[in-house]
N, C-alpha and C. Protein backbone atom coordinates (compact mmCIF):
# COMPACT_ATOMS: atom_id res chain seq x y z
N MET A 1 9.32 8.11 14.00
CA MET A 1 9.02 8.68 12.71
C MET A 1 7.67 9.38 12.79
N GLN A 2 7.66 10.65 12.48
CA GLN A 2 6.45 11.46 12.60
C GLN A 2 5.90 11.93 11.26
N ASP A 3 6.73 11.89 10.23
CA ASP A 3 6.32 12.33 8.89
C ASP A 3 6.61 11.21 7.90
N PHE A 4 5.57 10.67 7.30
CA PHE A 4 5.74 9.56 6.36
C PHE A 4 4.45 9.33 5.59
N VAL A 5 4.53 8.42 4.63
CA VAL A 5 3.36 8.00 3.86
C VAL A 5 3.24 6.49 3.99
N ALA A 6 2.12 6.03 4.52
CA ALA A 6 1.82 4.59 4.53
C ALA A 6 1.16 4.26 3.21
N ILE A 7 1.61 3.18 2.57
CA ILE A 7 1.12 2.85 1.24
C ILE A 7 0.81 1.36 1.16
N ASP A 8 -0.24 1.04 0.42
CA ASP A 8 -0.59 -0.36 0.20
C ASP A 8 -1.14 -0.53 -1.21
N PHE A 9 -0.68 -1.59 -1.87
CA PHE A 9 -1.18 -1.95 -3.19
C PHE A 9 -1.90 -3.29 -3.12
N GLU A 10 -2.91 -3.45 -3.95
CA GLU A 10 -3.50 -4.74 -4.24
C GLU A 10 -3.19 -5.02 -5.70
N THR A 11 -2.98 -6.28 -6.04
CA THR A 11 -2.66 -6.65 -7.42
C THR A 11 -3.74 -7.56 -8.00
N ALA A 12 -3.84 -7.54 -9.32
CA ALA A 12 -4.85 -8.32 -10.03
C ALA A 12 -4.42 -9.75 -10.27
N ASN A 13 -3.11 -9.97 -10.34
CA ASN A 13 -2.59 -11.30 -10.65
C ASN A 13 -1.17 -11.41 -10.09
N GLY A 14 -0.44 -12.40 -10.50
CA GLY A 14 0.90 -12.62 -9.95
C GLY A 14 1.96 -11.66 -10.43
N GLN A 15 1.64 -10.81 -11.39
CA GLN A 15 2.60 -9.82 -11.89
C GLN A 15 2.59 -8.60 -10.98
N ARG A 16 3.77 -8.20 -10.52
CA ARG A 16 3.83 -7.04 -9.62
C ARG A 16 3.32 -5.76 -10.28
N SER A 17 3.41 -5.67 -11.60
CA SER A 17 2.93 -4.48 -12.30
C SER A 17 1.41 -4.38 -12.34
N SER A 18 0.72 -5.44 -11.91
CA SER A 18 -0.74 -5.49 -12.04
C SER A 18 -1.47 -4.81 -10.88
N VAL A 19 -0.92 -3.70 -10.40
CA VAL A 19 -1.59 -2.99 -9.31
C VAL A 19 -2.99 -2.59 -9.76
N CYS A 20 -3.97 -2.93 -8.92
CA CYS A 20 -5.37 -2.64 -9.27
C CYS A 20 -6.02 -1.69 -8.28
N SER A 21 -5.34 -1.43 -7.17
CA SER A 21 -5.80 -0.39 -6.24
C SER A 21 -4.62 0.04 -5.39
N VAL A 22 -4.72 1.27 -4.90
CA VAL A 22 -3.70 1.83 -4.03
C VAL A 22 -4.38 2.62 -2.92
N GLY A 23 -3.83 2.48 -1.73
CA GLY A 23 -4.26 3.29 -0.59
C GLY A 23 -3.06 4.02 -0.03
N ILE A 24 -3.24 5.28 0.28
CA ILE A 24 -2.15 6.11 0.79
C ILE A 24 -2.66 6.91 1.98
N VAL A 25 -1.87 6.90 3.05
CA VAL A 25 -2.18 7.69 4.24
C VAL A 25 -0.96 8.57 4.52
N ILE A 26 -1.17 9.88 4.53
CA ILE A 26 -0.07 10.82 4.74
C ILE A 26 -0.10 11.27 6.20
N VAL A 27 1.05 11.12 6.86
CA VAL A 27 1.20 11.47 8.27
C VAL A 27 2.25 12.57 8.38
N ARG A 28 1.87 13.64 9.08
CA ARG A 28 2.81 14.74 9.36
C ARG A 28 2.67 15.10 10.83
N GLY A 29 3.79 15.23 11.49
CA GLY A 29 3.77 15.56 12.91
C GLY A 29 3.04 14.51 13.74
N GLY A 30 3.06 13.27 13.28
CA GLY A 30 2.43 12.19 14.01
C GLY A 30 0.91 12.13 13.87
N GLU A 31 0.36 12.93 12.95
CA GLU A 31 -1.10 12.97 12.73
C GLU A 31 -1.41 12.69 11.26
N ILE A 32 -2.48 11.96 11.03
CA ILE A 32 -2.93 11.73 9.66
C ILE A 32 -3.50 13.04 9.11
N VAL A 33 -2.93 13.50 7.99
CA VAL A 33 -3.36 14.77 7.41
C VAL A 33 -4.07 14.59 6.07
N ASP A 34 -3.92 13.42 5.45
CA ASP A 34 -4.57 13.20 4.16
C ASP A 34 -4.63 11.70 3.89
N LYS A 35 -5.64 11.32 3.11
CA LYS A 35 -5.79 9.93 2.67
C LYS A 35 -6.16 9.95 1.19
N PHE A 36 -5.76 8.90 0.49
CA PHE A 36 -6.06 8.80 -0.92
C PHE A 36 -6.29 7.33 -1.26
N TYR A 37 -7.31 7.07 -2.07
CA TYR A 37 -7.59 5.73 -2.55
C TYR A 37 -8.00 5.81 -4.01
N SER A 38 -7.54 4.84 -4.79
CA SER A 38 -7.98 4.77 -6.17
C SER A 38 -7.92 3.34 -6.67
N LEU A 39 -8.90 3.00 -7.48
CA LEU A 39 -8.80 1.81 -8.30
C LEU A 39 -7.89 2.14 -9.47
N ILE A 40 -7.25 1.12 -10.03
CA ILE A 40 -6.32 1.31 -11.14
C ILE A 40 -6.58 0.21 -12.16
N GLN A 41 -6.59 0.56 -13.43
CA GLN A 41 -6.68 -0.48 -14.45
C GLN A 41 -5.33 -1.17 -14.53
N PRO A 42 -5.27 -2.46 -14.19
CA PRO A 42 -3.97 -3.13 -14.08
C PRO A 42 -3.35 -3.50 -15.43
N VAL A 43 -2.05 -3.73 -15.39
CA VAL A 43 -1.29 -4.26 -16.53
C VAL A 43 -0.41 -5.39 -16.00
N PRO A 44 -0.61 -6.61 -16.49
CA PRO A 44 -1.61 -7.03 -17.46
C PRO A 44 -3.01 -7.03 -16.85
N ASN A 45 -4.00 -6.86 -17.71
CA ASN A 45 -5.36 -6.64 -17.24
C ASN A 45 -6.17 -7.94 -17.18
N TYR A 46 -5.80 -8.77 -16.23
CA TYR A 46 -6.61 -9.95 -15.93
C TYR A 46 -6.48 -10.24 -14.44
N TYR A 47 -7.46 -10.92 -13.89
CA TYR A 47 -7.49 -11.25 -12.46
C TYR A 47 -7.43 -12.76 -12.29
N THR A 48 -6.69 -13.20 -11.28
CA THR A 48 -6.70 -14.62 -10.95
C THR A 48 -7.77 -14.88 -9.89
N PHE A 49 -8.19 -16.10 -9.81
CA PHE A 49 -9.16 -16.51 -8.80
C PHE A 49 -8.66 -16.13 -7.41
N TRP A 50 -7.38 -16.39 -7.15
CA TRP A 50 -6.83 -16.21 -5.79
C TRP A 50 -6.73 -14.74 -5.40
N THR A 51 -6.33 -13.89 -6.33
CA THR A 51 -6.24 -12.47 -5.97
C THR A 51 -7.62 -11.89 -5.73
N THR A 52 -8.58 -12.27 -6.56
CA THR A 52 -9.95 -11.80 -6.34
C THR A 52 -10.48 -12.32 -5.01
N LYS A 53 -10.13 -13.55 -4.67
CA LYS A 53 -10.58 -14.11 -3.39
C LYS A 53 -10.02 -13.31 -2.21
N VAL A 54 -8.81 -12.78 -2.35
CA VAL A 54 -8.19 -12.00 -1.28
C VAL A 54 -8.86 -10.64 -1.12
N HIS A 55 -8.97 -9.88 -2.23
CA HIS A 55 -9.44 -8.49 -2.10
C HIS A 55 -10.81 -8.22 -2.69
N GLY A 56 -11.37 -9.15 -3.41
CA GLY A 56 -12.72 -9.00 -3.93
C GLY A 56 -12.85 -8.20 -5.22
N LEU A 57 -11.74 -7.70 -5.75
CA LEU A 57 -11.80 -6.90 -6.97
C LEU A 57 -11.77 -7.80 -8.20
N THR A 58 -12.47 -7.37 -9.26
CA THR A 58 -12.47 -8.07 -10.54
C THR A 58 -12.24 -7.06 -11.65
N ARG A 59 -12.10 -7.59 -12.84
CA ARG A 59 -11.90 -6.72 -14.00
C ARG A 59 -13.08 -5.77 -14.17
N ARG A 60 -14.26 -6.20 -13.82
CA ARG A 60 -15.46 -5.35 -13.91
C ARG A 60 -15.27 -4.08 -13.05
N ASP A 61 -14.55 -4.22 -11.92
CA ASP A 61 -14.32 -3.07 -11.04
C ASP A 61 -13.33 -2.07 -11.61
N THR A 62 -12.35 -2.57 -12.38
CA THR A 62 -11.25 -1.69 -12.78
C THR A 62 -11.22 -1.33 -14.26
N ASP A 63 -12.00 -2.02 -15.10
CA ASP A 63 -12.07 -1.59 -16.50
C ASP A 63 -12.62 -0.16 -16.53
N GLY A 64 -11.95 0.69 -17.27
CA GLY A 64 -12.37 2.08 -17.36
C GLY A 64 -11.80 2.97 -16.26
N GLN A 65 -11.11 2.37 -15.31
CA GLN A 65 -10.48 3.17 -14.25
C GLN A 65 -9.17 3.77 -14.78
N PRO A 66 -8.62 4.75 -14.09
CA PRO A 66 -7.37 5.37 -14.56
C PRO A 66 -6.21 4.37 -14.54
N THR A 67 -5.25 4.63 -15.40
CA THR A 67 -4.03 3.83 -15.42
C THR A 67 -3.10 4.28 -14.29
N PHE A 68 -2.06 3.50 -14.04
CA PHE A 68 -1.12 3.85 -12.98
C PHE A 68 -0.54 5.26 -13.16
N PRO A 69 -0.05 5.64 -14.36
CA PRO A 69 0.50 7.00 -14.48
C PRO A 69 -0.52 8.09 -14.14
N GLU A 70 -1.78 7.88 -14.50
CA GLU A 70 -2.81 8.87 -14.19
C GLU A 70 -3.02 8.98 -12.68
N VAL A 71 -3.01 7.84 -12.01
CA VAL A 71 -3.19 7.84 -10.56
C VAL A 71 -1.96 8.45 -9.89
N TRP A 72 -0.78 8.05 -10.33
CA TRP A 72 0.45 8.53 -9.68
C TRP A 72 0.63 10.03 -9.86
N GLU A 73 0.13 10.57 -10.94
CA GLU A 73 0.19 12.02 -11.16
C GLU A 73 -0.57 12.75 -10.04
N ARG A 74 -1.63 12.15 -9.55
CA ARG A 74 -2.42 12.75 -8.46
C ARG A 74 -1.75 12.56 -7.11
N VAL A 75 -0.83 11.61 -7.01
CA VAL A 75 -0.21 11.24 -5.74
C VAL A 75 1.16 11.89 -5.55
N ALA A 76 1.93 11.99 -6.60
CA ALA A 76 3.36 12.34 -6.52
C ALA A 76 3.64 13.59 -5.70
N ASP A 77 2.92 14.67 -5.94
CA ASP A 77 3.18 15.91 -5.21
C ASP A 77 2.78 15.80 -3.74
N LYS A 78 1.75 15.02 -3.45
CA LYS A 78 1.30 14.86 -2.06
C LYS A 78 2.36 14.18 -1.19
N ILE A 79 3.14 13.27 -1.80
CA ILE A 79 4.07 12.46 -1.02
C ILE A 79 5.53 12.88 -1.20
N LYS A 80 5.74 13.90 -1.99
CA LYS A 80 7.11 14.33 -2.31
C LYS A 80 7.92 14.61 -1.04
N GLY A 81 9.10 14.01 -0.97
CA GLY A 81 10.02 14.24 0.13
C GLY A 81 9.75 13.42 1.37
N LEU A 82 8.69 12.62 1.36
CA LEU A 82 8.36 11.81 2.54
C LEU A 82 8.79 10.36 2.33
N PRO A 83 9.26 9.71 3.39
CA PRO A 83 9.56 8.28 3.28
C PRO A 83 8.26 7.49 3.19
N LEU A 84 8.31 6.35 2.50
CA LEU A 84 7.16 5.48 2.38
C LEU A 84 7.29 4.33 3.37
N VAL A 85 6.15 3.89 3.88
CA VAL A 85 6.10 2.81 4.85
C VAL A 85 5.08 1.80 4.36
N ALA A 86 5.43 0.52 4.40
CA ALA A 86 4.51 -0.53 3.98
C ALA A 86 4.66 -1.73 4.92
N HIS A 87 3.60 -2.49 5.05
CA HIS A 87 3.66 -3.74 5.81
C HIS A 87 4.02 -4.82 4.80
N ASN A 88 5.22 -5.34 4.96
CA ASN A 88 5.87 -6.22 3.96
C ASN A 88 6.39 -5.37 2.81
N ARG A 89 7.28 -4.47 3.16
CA ARG A 89 7.89 -3.52 2.22
C ARG A 89 8.33 -4.16 0.91
N PRO A 90 8.98 -5.34 0.93
CA PRO A 90 9.43 -5.87 -0.36
C PRO A 90 8.31 -6.03 -1.38
N PHE A 91 7.11 -6.40 -0.95
CA PHE A 91 6.00 -6.55 -1.87
C PHE A 91 5.57 -5.20 -2.45
N ASP A 92 5.23 -4.25 -1.60
CA ASP A 92 4.72 -2.97 -2.08
C ASP A 92 5.77 -2.17 -2.84
N GLU A 93 7.01 -2.22 -2.38
CA GLU A 93 8.07 -1.53 -3.11
C GLU A 93 8.26 -2.14 -4.50
N SER A 94 8.21 -3.47 -4.59
CA SER A 94 8.38 -4.11 -5.89
C SER A 94 7.20 -3.81 -6.81
N CYS A 95 6.00 -3.69 -6.26
CA CYS A 95 4.83 -3.30 -7.07
C CYS A 95 5.03 -1.89 -7.63
N LEU A 96 5.45 -0.98 -6.78
CA LEU A 96 5.66 0.40 -7.22
C LEU A 96 6.73 0.47 -8.31
N LYS A 97 7.84 -0.21 -8.09
CA LYS A 97 8.91 -0.21 -9.09
C LYS A 97 8.45 -0.86 -10.40
N ALA A 98 7.70 -1.96 -10.31
CA ALA A 98 7.23 -2.65 -11.51
C ALA A 98 6.25 -1.77 -12.29
N ALA A 99 5.39 -1.05 -11.61
CA ALA A 99 4.45 -0.17 -12.29
C ALA A 99 5.20 0.98 -12.98
N PHE A 100 6.19 1.54 -12.30
CA PHE A 100 7.01 2.58 -12.94
C PHE A 100 7.69 2.03 -14.18
N GLU A 101 8.25 0.82 -14.06
CA GLU A 101 8.95 0.21 -15.20
C GLU A 101 7.98 -0.10 -16.34
N GLU A 102 6.82 -0.61 -16.02
CA GLU A 102 5.81 -0.96 -17.04
C GLU A 102 5.48 0.24 -17.92
N TYR A 103 5.46 1.41 -17.34
CA TYR A 103 5.09 2.62 -18.08
C TYR A 103 6.29 3.48 -18.45
N ASP A 104 7.50 2.93 -18.33
CA ASP A 104 8.73 3.67 -18.66
C ASP A 104 8.81 5.01 -17.94
N MET A 105 8.41 5.01 -16.68
CA MET A 105 8.49 6.21 -15.85
C MET A 105 9.79 6.15 -15.06
N ASP A 106 10.39 7.30 -14.80
CA ASP A 106 11.61 7.37 -14.00
C ASP A 106 11.25 7.18 -12.53
N TYR A 107 11.82 6.13 -11.92
CA TYR A 107 11.54 5.86 -10.52
C TYR A 107 12.35 6.82 -9.65
N PRO A 108 11.69 7.56 -8.75
CA PRO A 108 12.40 8.58 -7.97
C PRO A 108 13.22 8.07 -6.79
N GLY A 109 13.33 6.79 -6.60
CA GLY A 109 14.15 6.26 -5.51
C GLY A 109 13.58 6.51 -4.14
N TYR A 110 12.31 6.23 -3.97
CA TYR A 110 11.65 6.46 -2.69
C TYR A 110 12.34 5.69 -1.56
N GLU A 111 12.45 6.33 -0.42
CA GLU A 111 12.94 5.69 0.80
C GLU A 111 11.77 4.87 1.37
N PHE A 112 12.02 3.59 1.65
CA PHE A 112 10.96 2.70 2.16
C PHE A 112 11.33 2.14 3.52
N HIS A 113 10.32 2.00 4.37
CA HIS A 113 10.46 1.34 5.68
C HIS A 113 9.40 0.25 5.78
N CYS A 114 9.63 -0.71 6.67
CA CYS A 114 8.76 -1.88 6.75
C CYS A 114 8.18 -2.07 8.15
N THR A 115 6.85 -2.00 8.24
CA THR A 115 6.21 -2.24 9.54
C THR A 115 6.16 -3.72 9.89
N LEU A 116 6.24 -4.60 8.89
CA LEU A 116 6.31 -6.04 9.18
C LEU A 116 7.62 -6.35 9.92
N ALA A 117 8.72 -5.82 9.42
CA ALA A 117 10.01 -6.02 10.08
C ALA A 117 10.00 -5.40 11.48
N ALA A 118 9.40 -4.22 11.61
CA ALA A 118 9.31 -3.57 12.93
C ALA A 118 8.45 -4.40 13.88
N SER A 119 7.37 -4.95 13.38
CA SER A 119 6.51 -5.80 14.20
C SER A 119 7.28 -7.02 14.70
N ARG A 120 8.03 -7.64 13.81
CA ARG A 120 8.83 -8.82 14.20
C ARG A 120 9.87 -8.47 15.26
N ARG A 121 10.43 -7.27 15.16
CA ARG A 121 11.44 -6.83 16.12
C ARG A 121 10.83 -6.46 17.48
N CYS A 122 9.65 -5.85 17.45
CA CYS A 122 9.13 -5.19 18.64
C CYS A 122 7.96 -5.89 19.33
N LEU A 123 7.22 -6.71 18.62
CA LEU A 123 6.01 -7.29 19.19
C LEU A 123 6.15 -8.79 19.42
N ASP A 124 5.73 -9.22 20.57
CA ASP A 124 5.75 -10.65 20.89
C ASP A 124 4.35 -11.21 20.63
N ILE A 125 4.07 -11.49 19.37
CA ILE A 125 2.77 -12.04 18.97
C ILE A 125 3.04 -13.26 18.09
N PRO A 126 2.09 -14.20 18.03
CA PRO A 126 2.34 -15.44 17.29
C PRO A 126 2.47 -15.27 15.78
N SER A 127 1.84 -14.25 15.22
CA SER A 127 1.92 -13.98 13.79
C SER A 127 1.96 -12.48 13.60
N HIS A 128 2.69 -12.05 12.59
CA HIS A 128 2.85 -10.61 12.35
C HIS A 128 2.09 -10.16 11.11
N GLN A 129 1.01 -10.87 10.76
CA GLN A 129 0.16 -10.43 9.67
C GLN A 129 -0.36 -9.04 10.01
N LEU A 130 -0.71 -8.29 8.97
CA LEU A 130 -1.10 -6.90 9.14
C LEU A 130 -2.19 -6.71 10.20
N HIS A 131 -3.26 -7.46 10.10
CA HIS A 131 -4.38 -7.25 11.03
C HIS A 131 -3.99 -7.60 12.47
N LEU A 132 -3.09 -8.56 12.66
CA LEU A 132 -2.67 -8.92 14.01
C LEU A 132 -1.67 -7.92 14.58
N SER A 133 -0.76 -7.45 13.74
CA SER A 133 0.18 -6.41 14.17
C SER A 133 -0.56 -5.13 14.51
N ALA A 134 -1.54 -4.79 13.67
CA ALA A 134 -2.33 -3.58 13.92
C ALA A 134 -3.10 -3.70 15.23
N ALA A 135 -3.71 -4.86 15.48
CA ALA A 135 -4.45 -5.07 16.73
C ALA A 135 -3.52 -4.93 17.93
N ALA A 136 -2.31 -5.47 17.82
CA ALA A 136 -1.35 -5.37 18.92
C ALA A 136 -0.93 -3.93 19.17
N CYS A 137 -1.09 -3.08 18.16
CA CYS A 137 -0.78 -1.65 18.30
C CYS A 137 -2.02 -0.82 18.62
N GLY A 138 -3.13 -1.49 18.88
CA GLY A 138 -4.35 -0.79 19.29
C GLY A 138 -5.24 -0.33 18.15
N TYR A 139 -5.00 -0.83 16.95
CA TYR A 139 -5.81 -0.43 15.79
C TYR A 139 -6.70 -1.60 15.37
N ASP A 140 -7.99 -1.36 15.27
CA ASP A 140 -8.95 -2.38 14.87
C ASP A 140 -9.29 -2.22 13.39
N MET A 141 -8.80 -3.15 12.57
CA MET A 141 -9.06 -3.08 11.13
C MET A 141 -10.50 -3.46 10.83
N GLN A 142 -11.12 -2.71 9.95
CA GLN A 142 -12.50 -2.98 9.58
C GLN A 142 -12.64 -3.69 8.23
N ASN A 143 -11.68 -3.54 7.33
CA ASN A 143 -11.85 -4.07 5.98
C ASN A 143 -10.49 -4.51 5.42
N HIS A 144 -9.94 -5.57 5.99
CA HIS A 144 -8.63 -6.07 5.58
C HIS A 144 -8.60 -6.40 4.09
N HIS A 145 -7.52 -6.04 3.43
CA HIS A 145 -7.27 -6.21 2.00
C HIS A 145 -7.99 -5.18 1.14
N HIS A 146 -8.52 -4.13 1.75
CA HIS A 146 -8.89 -2.93 1.01
C HIS A 146 -7.66 -2.03 1.15
N ALA A 147 -7.13 -1.55 0.04
CA ALA A 147 -5.84 -0.86 0.07
C ALA A 147 -5.81 0.32 1.05
N LEU A 148 -6.87 1.09 1.14
CA LEU A 148 -6.85 2.23 2.06
C LEU A 148 -6.90 1.75 3.51
N CYS A 149 -7.72 0.78 3.80
CA CYS A 149 -7.78 0.23 5.16
C CYS A 149 -6.43 -0.34 5.57
N ASP A 150 -5.79 -1.05 4.66
CA ASP A 150 -4.48 -1.62 4.96
C ASP A 150 -3.44 -0.53 5.18
N ALA A 151 -3.50 0.55 4.39
CA ALA A 151 -2.57 1.67 4.57
C ALA A 151 -2.82 2.36 5.92
N GLU A 152 -4.09 2.47 6.33
CA GLU A 152 -4.40 3.06 7.63
C GLU A 152 -3.84 2.20 8.76
N ALA A 153 -3.98 0.89 8.65
CA ALA A 153 -3.42 -0.01 9.66
C ALA A 153 -1.90 0.10 9.70
N CYS A 154 -1.28 0.17 8.53
CA CYS A 154 0.16 0.33 8.45
C CYS A 154 0.60 1.62 9.12
N ALA A 155 -0.13 2.70 8.90
CA ALA A 155 0.19 3.98 9.53
C ALA A 155 0.11 3.86 11.05
N ALA A 156 -0.91 3.17 11.54
CA ALA A 156 -1.07 3.00 13.00
C ALA A 156 0.11 2.22 13.58
N ILE A 157 0.55 1.18 12.88
CA ILE A 157 1.70 0.40 13.34
C ILE A 157 2.96 1.27 13.31
N ALA A 158 3.15 1.99 12.21
CA ALA A 158 4.34 2.84 12.09
C ALA A 158 4.41 3.88 13.20
N LEU A 159 3.28 4.47 13.51
CA LEU A 159 3.26 5.50 14.58
C LEU A 159 3.63 4.90 15.93
N LYS A 160 3.32 3.65 16.16
CA LYS A 160 3.67 2.99 17.42
C LYS A 160 5.10 2.45 17.44
N LEU A 161 5.57 1.94 16.29
CA LEU A 161 6.82 1.17 16.31
C LEU A 161 8.02 1.80 15.61
N LEU A 162 7.79 2.76 14.73
CA LEU A 162 8.94 3.31 13.98
C LEU A 162 9.37 4.65 14.56
């Protein structure tokens, strides 16, 4: 796969619609051609201790930030016609669908691929967590659980394994 979009969401709480940041890496011809990152005001707008512990974001970071529809308006044309790739596709795909549903937006039926599944198929490593799969593919993550960093790692895995 040479043309795709690696995508990663972080959530504020246990609700999939509570996306609070998104990272996107656009790959064409096997090369990264664009990157996008944004904080998002989540719905519902509260953070749990555990989600903040994972990614470090709090309501203070996202209050006043754009809503999902405002962010997606900036993204939609950039990724049009490209398949999406995520590490643990079921999570990120469900976040995207839940955010579309939360705002009564028509979901365009994005094609999704999973680098976690590819890692399990192709790599003989003890754990297939994003940072370990990325390292096995020669990518050194600098800021795990930052949505853009995670999307960059996902892109590196996809370029090696998909």
